[in-house]
Amino acid sequence: AFLALALSFVITAIAFAQSQPLLIDDFEGAISRGPEGTVDYGAGNGSSVELTASTDIKHSGKQSIKVTFDAIQNGYMWIARGSGLDVKNAGWLVKPEDIKWNDYNAISFYMYGSDSKTQVAFDIKDKGNEIWRFMTEDNFTGWKQIVCPFKDFVARDDWQPDNADKNGTLDFPIKSYQFEPRPEAKGTLYFDQVELKP
């Protein structure tokens, strides 16, 4: 009876461990750009974006990432973290190749909204460098967890990197993610605590 109880406890503990979210990014530490920076970000065609650390508006830890942006018509921007980027120190807390991707069905992040109705694209880059998109909207106030099921991402049809395999299949491991407030919109958003969800 004792062995059966112990075995049951072990099985339950394993199942519980596998059902927990995995924190992959939390924006603690310096927020900087450039080759030695920690975030790969920029803008083009007249849009602009600036990033700083926010210690007063945060969901967890000591800070969040504050995004001040002006997204104009036909402009674009990106705020990216992960591997294979042009910024050396933009990696996650866990390397993509060390993640058991079969254990997870979604990726999530916390966003601090102001009910501005800004459309926000959340993109992920897969193993073959193909970019996949999930759309959300700033239609709330305060912190909210945005859960993005992998099955709800769609391959971008407006732009793909030259080296993307464009095979129409979301291939794991995912290598990076990026935020993009979409035109036309201007304001400030905050992001924190990116996780993988079982």
N, C-alpha and C. Protein backbone atom coordinates (compact mmCIF):
# COMPACT_ATOMS: atom_id res chain seq x y z
N ALA A 1 0.84 -1.20 0.00
CA ALA A 1 0.00 0.00 0.00
C ALA A 1 0.87 1.26 0.00
N PHE A 2 1.97 1.19 0.78
CA PHE A 2 2.88 2.33 0.84
C PHE A 2 3.53 2.58 -0.52
N LEU A 3 3.96 1.49 -1.19
CA LEU A 3 4.57 1.62 -2.51
C LEU A 3 3.59 2.18 -3.52
N ALA A 4 2.35 1.72 -3.45
CA ALA A 4 1.32 2.22 -4.38
C ALA A 4 1.08 3.70 -4.15
N LEU A 5 1.04 4.12 -2.90
CA LEU A 5 0.83 5.52 -2.57
C LEU A 5 2.00 6.37 -3.05
N ALA A 6 3.23 5.87 -2.82
CA ALA A 6 4.43 6.59 -3.26
C ALA A 6 4.46 6.73 -4.77
N LEU A 7 4.12 5.64 -5.49
CA LEU A 7 4.10 5.66 -6.94
C LEU A 7 3.06 6.66 -7.45
N SER A 8 1.92 6.66 -6.80
CA SER A 8 0.86 7.60 -7.17
C SER A 8 1.32 9.04 -6.99
N PHE A 9 2.05 9.29 -5.90
CA PHE A 9 2.57 10.63 -5.63
C PHE A 9 3.56 11.06 -6.71
N VAL A 10 4.44 10.14 -7.10
CA VAL A 10 5.45 10.44 -8.13
C VAL A 10 4.78 10.74 -9.46
N ILE A 11 3.81 9.93 -9.84
CA ILE A 11 3.10 10.14 -11.10
C ILE A 11 2.38 11.49 -11.09
N THR A 12 1.74 11.79 -9.97
CA THR A 12 1.04 13.08 -9.85
C THR A 12 2.02 14.25 -9.93
N ALA A 13 3.17 14.11 -9.28
CA ALA A 13 4.18 15.17 -9.29
C ALA A 13 4.71 15.40 -10.70
N ILE A 14 4.95 14.31 -11.44
CA ILE A 14 5.43 14.43 -12.81
C ILE A 14 4.39 15.12 -13.68
N ALA A 15 3.14 14.70 -13.55
CA ALA A 15 2.05 15.30 -14.34
C ALA A 15 1.91 16.78 -14.02
N PHE A 16 2.03 17.11 -12.73
CA PHE A 16 1.93 18.51 -12.30
C PHE A 16 3.07 19.33 -12.89
N ALA A 17 4.27 18.77 -12.85
CA ALA A 17 5.44 19.49 -13.37
C ALA A 17 5.28 19.75 -14.87
N GLN A 18 4.76 18.76 -15.59
CA GLN A 18 4.60 18.90 -17.03
C GLN A 18 3.50 19.89 -17.40
N SER A 19 2.56 20.15 -16.48
CA SER A 19 1.44 21.03 -16.78
C SER A 19 1.71 22.47 -16.40
N GLN A 20 2.92 22.78 -15.95
CA GLN A 20 3.25 24.12 -15.52
C GLN A 20 3.73 24.98 -16.70
N PRO A 21 3.39 26.28 -16.69
CA PRO A 21 3.95 27.17 -17.70
C PRO A 21 5.47 27.26 -17.58
N LEU A 22 6.13 27.58 -18.68
CA LEU A 22 7.58 27.75 -18.69
C LEU A 22 7.89 29.21 -18.99
N LEU A 23 8.50 29.90 -18.02
CA LEU A 23 8.89 31.29 -18.22
C LEU A 23 10.10 31.33 -19.15
N ILE A 24 9.98 32.04 -20.28
CA ILE A 24 11.10 32.12 -21.21
C ILE A 24 11.69 33.52 -21.30
N ASP A 25 10.96 34.54 -20.82
CA ASP A 25 11.47 35.90 -20.89
C ASP A 25 10.74 36.78 -19.88
N ASP A 26 11.49 37.71 -19.24
CA ASP A 26 10.86 38.55 -18.22
C ASP A 26 11.35 40.01 -18.26
N PHE A 27 12.21 40.36 -19.20
CA PHE A 27 12.66 41.74 -19.41
C PHE A 27 13.36 42.36 -18.20
N GLU A 28 13.95 41.53 -17.36
CA GLU A 28 14.76 42.07 -16.26
C GLU A 28 16.13 42.47 -16.82
N GLY A 29 16.80 43.40 -16.16
CA GLY A 29 18.12 43.83 -16.61
C GLY A 29 18.04 44.97 -17.61
N ALA A 30 19.19 45.26 -18.21
CA ALA A 30 19.29 46.40 -19.12
C ALA A 30 18.43 46.19 -20.37
N ILE A 31 17.84 47.27 -20.84
CA ILE A 31 17.11 47.29 -22.11
C ILE A 31 17.92 48.17 -23.06
N SER A 32 18.54 47.55 -24.06
CA SER A 32 19.42 48.32 -24.95
C SER A 32 19.37 47.77 -26.37
N ARG A 33 19.79 48.59 -27.31
CA ARG A 33 19.80 48.19 -28.72
C ARG A 33 21.24 48.14 -29.23
N GLY A 34 21.39 47.85 -30.51
CA GLY A 34 22.72 47.78 -31.10
C GLY A 34 23.26 46.37 -31.07
N PRO A 35 24.39 46.12 -31.72
CA PRO A 35 24.95 44.76 -31.82
C PRO A 35 25.15 44.06 -30.48
N GLU A 36 25.49 44.82 -29.44
CA GLU A 36 25.71 44.23 -28.12
C GLU A 36 24.50 44.40 -27.20
N GLY A 37 23.37 44.80 -27.77
CA GLY A 37 22.19 45.10 -26.99
C GLY A 37 21.42 43.88 -26.52
N THR A 38 20.27 44.14 -25.90
CA THR A 38 19.44 43.07 -25.33
C THR A 38 18.10 42.92 -26.03
N VAL A 39 17.73 43.89 -26.88
CA VAL A 39 16.49 43.81 -27.64
C VAL A 39 16.77 44.24 -29.07
N ASP A 40 16.29 43.45 -30.04
CA ASP A 40 16.42 43.80 -31.45
C ASP A 40 15.16 44.59 -31.82
N TYR A 41 15.30 45.90 -31.99
CA TYR A 41 14.13 46.70 -32.31
C TYR A 41 14.47 47.84 -33.24
N GLY A 42 13.44 48.33 -33.92
CA GLY A 42 13.61 49.43 -34.86
C GLY A 42 12.30 49.69 -35.59
N ALA A 43 12.36 50.62 -36.54
CA ALA A 43 11.16 51.00 -37.29
C ALA A 43 11.59 51.52 -38.66
N GLY A 44 10.61 51.61 -39.58
CA GLY A 44 10.91 52.10 -40.91
C GLY A 44 9.70 52.73 -41.57
N ASN A 45 9.94 53.35 -42.73
CA ASN A 45 8.89 54.01 -43.52
C ASN A 45 8.14 55.07 -42.74
N GLY A 46 8.86 55.75 -41.82
CA GLY A 46 8.26 56.87 -41.09
C GLY A 46 7.74 56.54 -39.71
N SER A 47 7.57 55.27 -39.39
CA SER A 47 7.16 54.89 -38.04
C SER A 47 8.36 55.02 -37.09
N SER A 48 8.08 55.09 -35.80
CA SER A 48 9.16 55.18 -34.82
C SER A 48 8.81 54.39 -33.58
N VAL A 49 9.86 53.93 -32.87
CA VAL A 49 9.64 53.17 -31.64
C VAL A 49 10.84 53.38 -30.72
N GLU A 50 10.56 53.53 -29.43
CA GLU A 50 11.60 53.65 -28.41
C GLU A 50 11.28 52.72 -27.26
N LEU A 51 12.31 52.10 -26.71
CA LEU A 51 12.14 51.15 -25.61
C LEU A 51 12.91 51.61 -24.38
N THR A 52 12.28 51.44 -23.22
CA THR A 52 12.93 51.69 -21.95
C THR A 52 12.42 50.66 -20.95
N ALA A 53 13.09 50.56 -19.82
CA ALA A 53 12.60 49.71 -18.74
C ALA A 53 11.67 50.52 -17.85
N SER A 54 10.56 49.93 -17.45
CA SER A 54 9.63 50.60 -16.54
C SER A 54 9.65 49.89 -15.20
N THR A 55 9.97 50.63 -14.13
CA THR A 55 9.97 50.04 -12.79
C THR A 55 8.69 50.36 -12.02
N ASP A 56 7.87 51.29 -12.53
CA ASP A 56 6.64 51.63 -11.83
C ASP A 56 5.43 50.85 -12.36
N ILE A 57 5.39 50.61 -13.67
CA ILE A 57 4.33 49.77 -14.25
C ILE A 57 4.97 48.46 -14.65
N LYS A 58 4.70 47.41 -13.89
CA LYS A 58 5.31 46.10 -14.12
C LYS A 58 4.34 45.04 -13.64
N HIS A 59 4.43 43.86 -14.25
CA HIS A 59 3.58 42.76 -13.80
C HIS A 59 4.29 41.89 -12.78
N SER A 60 5.58 41.64 -13.00
CA SER A 60 6.35 40.79 -12.09
C SER A 60 7.80 41.24 -12.12
N GLY A 61 8.55 40.80 -11.14
CA GLY A 61 9.96 41.17 -11.07
C GLY A 61 10.14 42.65 -10.78
N LYS A 62 11.26 43.19 -11.23
CA LYS A 62 11.60 44.59 -10.93
C LYS A 62 11.16 45.56 -12.02
N GLN A 63 10.87 45.03 -13.22
CA GLN A 63 10.54 45.95 -14.31
C GLN A 63 9.80 45.23 -15.44
N SER A 64 9.22 46.04 -16.31
CA SER A 64 8.66 45.56 -17.56
C SER A 64 9.36 46.30 -18.69
N ILE A 65 8.95 46.04 -19.91
CA ILE A 65 9.51 46.78 -21.04
C ILE A 65 8.45 47.77 -21.52
N LYS A 66 8.85 49.03 -21.63
CA LYS A 66 7.95 50.12 -22.03
C LYS A 66 8.21 50.45 -23.50
N VAL A 67 7.14 50.42 -24.30
CA VAL A 67 7.24 50.65 -25.73
C VAL A 67 6.48 51.93 -26.08
N THR A 68 7.21 52.95 -26.48
CA THR A 68 6.61 54.20 -26.93
C THR A 68 6.70 54.23 -28.45
N PHE A 69 5.57 54.36 -29.13
CA PHE A 69 5.56 54.14 -30.58
C PHE A 69 4.67 55.13 -31.31
N ASP A 70 4.98 55.28 -32.59
CA ASP A 70 4.16 56.03 -33.52
C ASP A 70 4.13 55.22 -34.82
N ALA A 71 3.04 54.52 -35.03
CA ALA A 71 2.89 53.64 -36.19
C ALA A 71 2.05 54.34 -37.25
N ILE A 72 2.71 54.79 -38.32
CA ILE A 72 1.99 55.53 -39.37
C ILE A 72 1.64 54.58 -40.52
N GLN A 73 0.74 55.07 -41.38
CA GLN A 73 0.31 54.27 -42.53
C GLN A 73 1.51 53.88 -43.38
N ASN A 74 1.59 52.61 -43.75
CA ASN A 74 2.67 52.02 -44.54
C ASN A 74 3.99 51.91 -43.79
N GLY A 75 4.02 52.31 -42.52
CA GLY A 75 5.21 52.14 -41.72
C GLY A 75 5.23 50.78 -41.05
N TYR A 76 6.33 50.48 -40.39
CA TYR A 76 6.46 49.21 -39.68
C TYR A 76 7.46 49.36 -38.55
N MET A 77 7.41 48.40 -37.63
CA MET A 77 8.36 48.37 -36.52
C MET A 77 8.46 46.94 -36.01
N TRP A 78 9.47 46.71 -35.19
CA TRP A 78 9.63 45.40 -34.58
C TRP A 78 10.32 45.54 -33.23
N ILE A 79 9.95 44.67 -32.31
CA ILE A 79 10.57 44.57 -30.98
C ILE A 79 10.77 43.08 -30.73
N ALA A 80 11.98 42.58 -30.92
CA ALA A 80 12.22 41.14 -30.96
C ALA A 80 13.19 40.66 -29.88
N ARG A 81 12.93 39.44 -29.42
CA ARG A 81 13.83 38.75 -28.48
C ARG A 81 13.91 37.28 -28.90
N GLY A 82 15.08 36.69 -28.69
CA GLY A 82 15.25 35.28 -29.02
C GLY A 82 16.62 35.03 -29.62
N SER A 83 16.76 33.93 -30.32
CA SER A 83 18.04 33.57 -30.93
C SER A 83 18.02 33.85 -32.43
N GLY A 84 19.22 33.97 -33.00
CA GLY A 84 19.33 34.22 -34.43
C GLY A 84 18.99 35.64 -34.85
N LEU A 85 19.02 36.57 -33.90
CA LEU A 85 18.73 37.97 -34.20
C LEU A 85 20.04 38.74 -34.42
N ASP A 86 19.91 40.01 -34.82
CA ASP A 86 21.09 40.84 -35.06
C ASP A 86 21.68 41.41 -33.78
N VAL A 87 21.04 41.16 -32.66
CA VAL A 87 21.47 41.67 -31.36
C VAL A 87 22.00 40.51 -30.53
N LYS A 88 23.22 40.66 -30.04
CA LYS A 88 23.94 39.55 -29.41
C LYS A 88 23.30 39.03 -28.13
N ASN A 89 22.77 39.93 -27.30
CA ASN A 89 22.31 39.53 -25.96
C ASN A 89 20.80 39.54 -25.81
N ALA A 90 20.08 39.21 -26.90
CA ALA A 90 18.62 39.23 -26.89
C ALA A 90 18.02 37.86 -26.59
N GLY A 91 18.83 36.93 -26.11
CA GLY A 91 18.34 35.57 -25.89
C GLY A 91 17.35 35.46 -24.75
N TRP A 92 16.56 34.39 -24.79
CA TRP A 92 15.59 34.09 -23.74
C TRP A 92 16.29 33.54 -22.50
N LEU A 93 15.52 33.32 -21.45
CA LEU A 93 16.03 32.68 -20.24
C LEU A 93 16.35 31.21 -20.48
N VAL A 94 15.67 30.61 -21.46
CA VAL A 94 15.88 29.20 -21.84
C VAL A 94 16.18 29.17 -23.33
N LYS A 95 17.19 28.42 -23.74
CA LYS A 95 17.50 28.31 -25.16
C LYS A 95 16.40 27.53 -25.87
N PRO A 96 15.97 27.97 -27.06
CA PRO A 96 14.91 27.28 -27.79
C PRO A 96 15.16 25.79 -27.97
N GLU A 97 16.42 25.42 -28.23
CA GLU A 97 16.73 24.01 -28.47
C GLU A 97 16.66 23.16 -27.20
N ASP A 98 16.60 23.80 -26.04
CA ASP A 98 16.51 23.06 -24.78
C ASP A 98 15.07 22.89 -24.29
N ILE A 99 14.12 23.40 -25.05
CA ILE A 99 12.70 23.34 -24.65
C ILE A 99 12.05 22.10 -25.26
N LYS A 100 11.24 21.39 -24.47
CA LYS A 100 10.45 20.25 -24.96
C LYS A 100 9.15 20.82 -25.53
N TRP A 101 9.19 21.21 -26.79
CA TRP A 101 8.08 21.93 -27.40
C TRP A 101 6.79 21.12 -27.44
N ASN A 102 6.90 19.80 -27.48
CA ASN A 102 5.69 18.97 -27.50
C ASN A 102 4.86 19.11 -26.23
N ASP A 103 5.47 19.65 -25.17
CA ASP A 103 4.75 19.82 -23.90
C ASP A 103 3.89 21.09 -23.88
N TYR A 104 3.99 21.91 -24.93
CA TYR A 104 3.32 23.21 -24.88
C TYR A 104 2.44 23.45 -26.10
N ASN A 105 1.32 24.13 -25.86
CA ASN A 105 0.34 24.40 -26.91
C ASN A 105 0.16 25.87 -27.23
N ALA A 106 0.81 26.74 -26.44
CA ALA A 106 0.60 28.17 -26.64
C ALA A 106 1.78 28.95 -26.08
N ILE A 107 1.88 30.20 -26.50
CA ILE A 107 2.83 31.14 -25.93
C ILE A 107 2.01 32.33 -25.42
N SER A 108 2.42 32.91 -24.31
CA SER A 108 1.64 33.99 -23.72
C SER A 108 2.55 35.13 -23.28
N PHE A 109 1.96 36.29 -23.11
CA PHE A 109 2.67 37.44 -22.56
C PHE A 109 1.67 38.33 -21.83
N TYR A 110 2.17 39.16 -20.95
CA TYR A 110 1.33 40.14 -20.27
C TYR A 110 1.49 41.49 -20.96
N MET A 111 0.36 42.14 -21.19
CA MET A 111 0.36 43.46 -21.80
C MET A 111 -0.44 44.41 -20.92
N TYR A 112 0.10 45.59 -20.72
CA TYR A 112 -0.58 46.64 -19.95
C TYR A 112 -1.25 47.57 -20.95
N GLY A 113 -2.57 47.55 -20.95
CA GLY A 113 -3.32 48.32 -21.93
C GLY A 113 -3.93 49.59 -21.36
N SER A 114 -4.34 50.47 -22.29
CA SER A 114 -5.03 51.71 -21.93
C SER A 114 -6.31 51.88 -22.73
N ASP A 115 -6.82 50.77 -23.29
CA ASP A 115 -8.04 50.77 -24.10
C ASP A 115 -7.91 51.72 -25.30
N SER A 116 -6.72 51.71 -25.91
CA SER A 116 -6.46 52.62 -27.03
C SER A 116 -6.95 52.07 -28.37
N LYS A 117 -7.37 50.81 -28.39
CA LYS A 117 -7.82 50.11 -29.60
C LYS A 117 -6.68 49.84 -30.58
N THR A 118 -5.44 50.01 -30.13
CA THR A 118 -4.29 49.69 -30.98
C THR A 118 -4.27 48.20 -31.28
N GLN A 119 -4.06 47.87 -32.55
CA GLN A 119 -3.87 46.48 -32.96
C GLN A 119 -2.40 46.13 -32.75
N VAL A 120 -2.16 45.00 -32.12
CA VAL A 120 -0.79 44.57 -31.83
C VAL A 120 -0.56 43.19 -32.47
N ALA A 121 0.43 43.12 -33.34
CA ALA A 121 0.82 41.84 -33.93
C ALA A 121 1.89 41.20 -33.04
N PHE A 122 1.72 39.92 -32.79
CA PHE A 122 2.72 39.14 -32.06
C PHE A 122 3.19 38.05 -33.00
N ASP A 123 4.44 38.15 -33.44
CA ASP A 123 5.00 37.22 -34.43
C ASP A 123 5.99 36.26 -33.78
N ILE A 124 6.05 35.06 -34.31
CA ILE A 124 7.07 34.10 -33.91
C ILE A 124 7.79 33.61 -35.17
N LYS A 125 9.08 33.33 -35.02
CA LYS A 125 9.87 32.80 -36.14
C LYS A 125 10.17 31.33 -35.86
N ASP A 126 9.82 30.47 -36.81
CA ASP A 126 9.98 29.04 -36.59
C ASP A 126 11.36 28.53 -37.03
N LYS A 127 11.54 27.24 -36.93
CA LYS A 127 12.82 26.60 -37.25
C LYS A 127 13.31 26.93 -38.65
N GLY A 128 12.38 27.06 -39.59
CA GLY A 128 12.74 27.36 -40.98
C GLY A 128 12.73 28.84 -41.31
N ASN A 129 12.75 29.70 -40.28
CA ASN A 129 12.77 31.16 -40.43
C ASN A 129 11.48 31.74 -41.00
N GLU A 130 10.43 30.94 -41.01
CA GLU A 130 9.13 31.45 -41.46
C GLU A 130 8.47 32.20 -40.30
N ILE A 131 7.86 33.35 -40.62
CA ILE A 131 7.24 34.21 -39.61
C ILE A 131 5.74 33.92 -39.53
N TRP A 132 5.26 33.72 -38.30
CA TRP A 132 3.85 33.42 -38.04
C TRP A 132 3.27 34.50 -37.14
N ARG A 133 2.01 34.86 -37.38
CA ARG A 133 1.41 36.02 -36.71
C ARG A 133 0.15 35.68 -35.93
N PHE A 134 0.04 36.35 -34.78
CA PHE A 134 -1.17 36.32 -33.94
C PHE A 134 -1.53 37.76 -33.64
N MET A 135 -2.80 38.13 -33.84
CA MET A 135 -3.23 39.50 -33.62
C MET A 135 -4.01 39.63 -32.31
N THR A 136 -3.75 40.73 -31.60
CA THR A 136 -4.54 41.07 -30.42
C THR A 136 -4.80 42.57 -30.44
N GLU A 137 -5.60 43.05 -29.50
CA GLU A 137 -5.98 44.46 -29.48
C GLU A 137 -5.90 45.00 -28.06
N ASP A 138 -5.44 46.25 -27.95
CA ASP A 138 -5.45 46.94 -26.67
C ASP A 138 -6.87 47.45 -26.43
N ASN A 139 -7.73 46.57 -25.92
CA ASN A 139 -9.13 46.92 -25.66
C ASN A 139 -9.48 46.73 -24.19
N PHE A 140 -8.50 46.97 -23.32
CA PHE A 140 -8.66 46.80 -21.88
C PHE A 140 -7.75 47.79 -21.17
N THR A 141 -7.87 47.88 -19.86
CA THR A 141 -6.98 48.73 -19.08
C THR A 141 -6.28 47.89 -18.02
N GLY A 142 -5.01 48.20 -17.77
CA GLY A 142 -4.23 47.44 -16.81
C GLY A 142 -3.60 46.21 -17.43
N TRP A 143 -3.12 45.34 -16.57
CA TRP A 143 -2.43 44.14 -17.04
C TRP A 143 -3.41 43.06 -17.46
N LYS A 144 -3.09 42.40 -18.55
CA LYS A 144 -3.88 41.25 -19.03
C LYS A 144 -2.93 40.24 -19.66
N GLN A 145 -3.15 38.97 -19.37
CA GLN A 145 -2.36 37.93 -20.03
C GLN A 145 -2.99 37.59 -21.37
N ILE A 146 -2.19 37.70 -22.42
CA ILE A 146 -2.62 37.37 -23.77
C ILE A 146 -2.09 35.98 -24.09
N VAL A 147 -2.98 35.02 -24.26
CA VAL A 147 -2.59 33.65 -24.57
C VAL A 147 -2.77 33.41 -26.07
N CYS A 148 -1.71 32.96 -26.72
CA CYS A 148 -1.69 32.79 -28.17
C CYS A 148 -1.48 31.31 -28.50
N PRO A 149 -2.56 30.54 -28.72
CA PRO A 149 -2.39 29.13 -29.08
C PRO A 149 -1.62 28.98 -30.39
N PHE A 150 -0.72 28.04 -30.44
CA PHE A 150 0.07 27.84 -31.66
C PHE A 150 -0.83 27.57 -32.87
N LYS A 151 -1.96 26.90 -32.64
CA LYS A 151 -2.86 26.56 -33.75
C LYS A 151 -3.54 27.79 -34.36
N ASP A 152 -3.51 28.93 -33.63
CA ASP A 152 -4.16 30.13 -34.12
C ASP A 152 -3.22 31.10 -34.83
N PHE A 153 -1.93 30.78 -34.89
CA PHE A 153 -0.99 31.60 -35.66
C PHE A 153 -1.18 31.33 -37.15
N VAL A 154 -1.00 32.37 -37.96
CA VAL A 154 -1.05 32.21 -39.42
C VAL A 154 0.26 32.72 -40.02
N ALA A 155 0.72 32.05 -41.06
CA ALA A 155 1.95 32.49 -41.74
C ALA A 155 1.71 33.86 -42.37
N ARG A 156 2.64 34.77 -42.15
CA ARG A 156 2.50 36.11 -42.73
C ARG A 156 2.54 36.04 -44.25
N ASP A 157 1.59 36.71 -44.89
CA ASP A 157 1.57 36.73 -46.35
C ASP A 157 2.02 38.08 -46.91
N ASP A 158 2.32 39.04 -46.01
CA ASP A 158 2.78 40.35 -46.48
C ASP A 158 4.29 40.44 -46.57
N TRP A 159 4.99 39.63 -45.77
CA TRP A 159 6.46 39.66 -45.80
C TRP A 159 7.00 38.41 -45.11
N GLN A 160 8.07 37.87 -45.67
CA GLN A 160 8.83 36.79 -45.07
C GLN A 160 10.32 37.05 -45.32
N PRO A 161 11.20 36.62 -44.41
CA PRO A 161 12.63 36.77 -44.66
C PRO A 161 13.05 36.03 -45.93
N ASP A 162 14.11 36.50 -46.56
CA ASP A 162 14.60 35.86 -47.78
C ASP A 162 14.98 34.40 -47.54
N ASN A 163 15.42 34.09 -46.30
CA ASN A 163 15.86 32.72 -46.01
C ASN A 163 14.77 31.86 -45.39
N ALA A 164 13.52 32.34 -45.42
CA ALA A 164 12.41 31.54 -44.88
C ALA A 164 12.08 30.38 -45.80
N ASP A 165 11.79 29.21 -45.22
CA ASP A 165 11.46 28.06 -46.08
C ASP A 165 10.06 28.16 -46.68
N LYS A 166 9.17 28.96 -46.08
CA LYS A 166 7.82 29.22 -46.61
C LYS A 166 7.09 27.93 -46.93
N ASN A 167 7.16 26.97 -45.99
CA ASN A 167 6.51 25.70 -46.24
C ASN A 167 5.10 25.62 -45.66
N GLY A 168 4.65 26.69 -45.02
CA GLY A 168 3.28 26.72 -44.50
C GLY A 168 3.05 25.83 -43.30
N THR A 169 4.12 25.35 -42.67
CA THR A 169 4.02 24.51 -41.48
C THR A 169 4.80 25.17 -40.35
N LEU A 170 4.16 25.29 -39.18
CA LEU A 170 4.84 25.86 -38.02
C LEU A 170 5.79 24.81 -37.47
N ASP A 171 7.08 24.98 -37.78
CA ASP A 171 8.10 24.00 -37.41
C ASP A 171 8.83 24.43 -36.13
N PHE A 172 8.90 23.53 -35.17
CA PHE A 172 9.59 23.80 -33.92
C PHE A 172 11.04 23.34 -34.00
N PRO A 173 11.94 23.98 -33.24
CA PRO A 173 11.69 24.98 -32.20
C PRO A 173 11.44 26.37 -32.76
N ILE A 174 10.61 27.13 -32.04
CA ILE A 174 10.48 28.55 -32.32
C ILE A 174 11.78 29.21 -31.86
N LYS A 175 12.27 30.14 -32.67
CA LYS A 175 13.58 30.76 -32.37
C LYS A 175 13.48 32.15 -31.76
N SER A 176 12.42 32.88 -32.09
CA SER A 176 12.28 34.24 -31.56
C SER A 176 10.83 34.68 -31.65
N TYR A 177 10.53 35.77 -30.97
CA TYR A 177 9.22 36.39 -31.09
C TYR A 177 9.42 37.90 -31.24
N GLN A 178 8.36 38.58 -31.71
CA GLN A 178 8.43 40.03 -31.79
C GLN A 178 7.04 40.64 -31.65
N PHE A 179 7.02 41.86 -31.09
CA PHE A 179 5.80 42.66 -31.00
C PHE A 179 5.83 43.72 -32.09
N GLU A 180 4.64 44.07 -32.61
CA GLU A 180 4.55 45.19 -33.55
C GLU A 180 3.20 45.89 -33.41
N PRO A 181 3.15 47.04 -32.73
CA PRO A 181 1.93 47.86 -32.78
C PRO A 181 1.68 48.26 -34.24
N ARG A 182 0.45 48.07 -34.70
CA ARG A 182 0.16 48.24 -36.12
C ARG A 182 -0.38 49.63 -36.44
N PRO A 183 -0.11 50.11 -37.66
CA PRO A 183 -0.63 51.42 -38.08
C PRO A 183 -2.17 51.39 -38.18
N GLU A 184 -2.79 52.55 -38.04
CA GLU A 184 -2.22 53.79 -37.56
C GLU A 184 -2.50 53.89 -36.08
N ALA A 185 -1.47 54.11 -35.29
CA ALA A 185 -1.64 54.18 -33.83
C ALA A 185 -0.43 54.86 -33.23
N LYS A 186 -0.65 55.51 -32.09
CA LYS A 186 0.42 56.20 -31.39
C LYS A 186 0.16 56.09 -29.90
N GLY A 187 1.20 55.80 -29.13
CA GLY A 187 0.99 55.72 -27.69
C GLY A 187 2.07 54.93 -26.99
N THR A 188 1.70 54.31 -25.87
CA THR A 188 2.63 53.55 -25.05
C THR A 188 1.99 52.24 -24.61
N LEU A 189 2.75 51.17 -24.73
CA LEU A 189 2.33 49.86 -24.24
C LEU A 189 3.46 49.29 -23.38
N TYR A 190 3.10 48.39 -22.49
CA TYR A 190 4.06 47.72 -21.62
C TYR A 190 3.89 46.22 -21.78
N PHE A 191 5.01 45.50 -21.80
CA PHE A 191 4.98 44.04 -21.92
C PHE A 191 5.82 43.41 -20.82
N ASP A 192 5.43 42.20 -20.40
CA ASP A 192 6.15 41.52 -19.34
C ASP A 192 5.85 40.02 -19.42
N GLN A 193 6.71 39.22 -18.84
CA GLN A 193 6.53 37.80 -18.53
C GLN A 193 5.99 36.97 -19.72
N VAL A 194 6.89 36.56 -20.58
CA VAL A 194 6.54 35.70 -21.71
C VAL A 194 6.71 34.24 -21.29
N GLU A 195 5.67 33.44 -21.51
CA GLU A 195 5.67 32.04 -21.07
C GLU A 195 5.18 31.11 -22.16
N LEU A 196 5.55 29.86 -22.03
CA LEU A 196 4.94 28.80 -22.83
C LEU A 196 3.88 28.13 -21.97
N LYS A 197 2.74 27.80 -22.58
CA LYS A 197 1.61 27.22 -21.86
C LYS A 197 1.35 25.79 -22.32
N PRO A 198 1.14 24.87 -21.35
CA PRO A 198 0.80 23.49 -21.72
C PRO A 198 -0.52 23.42 -22.49
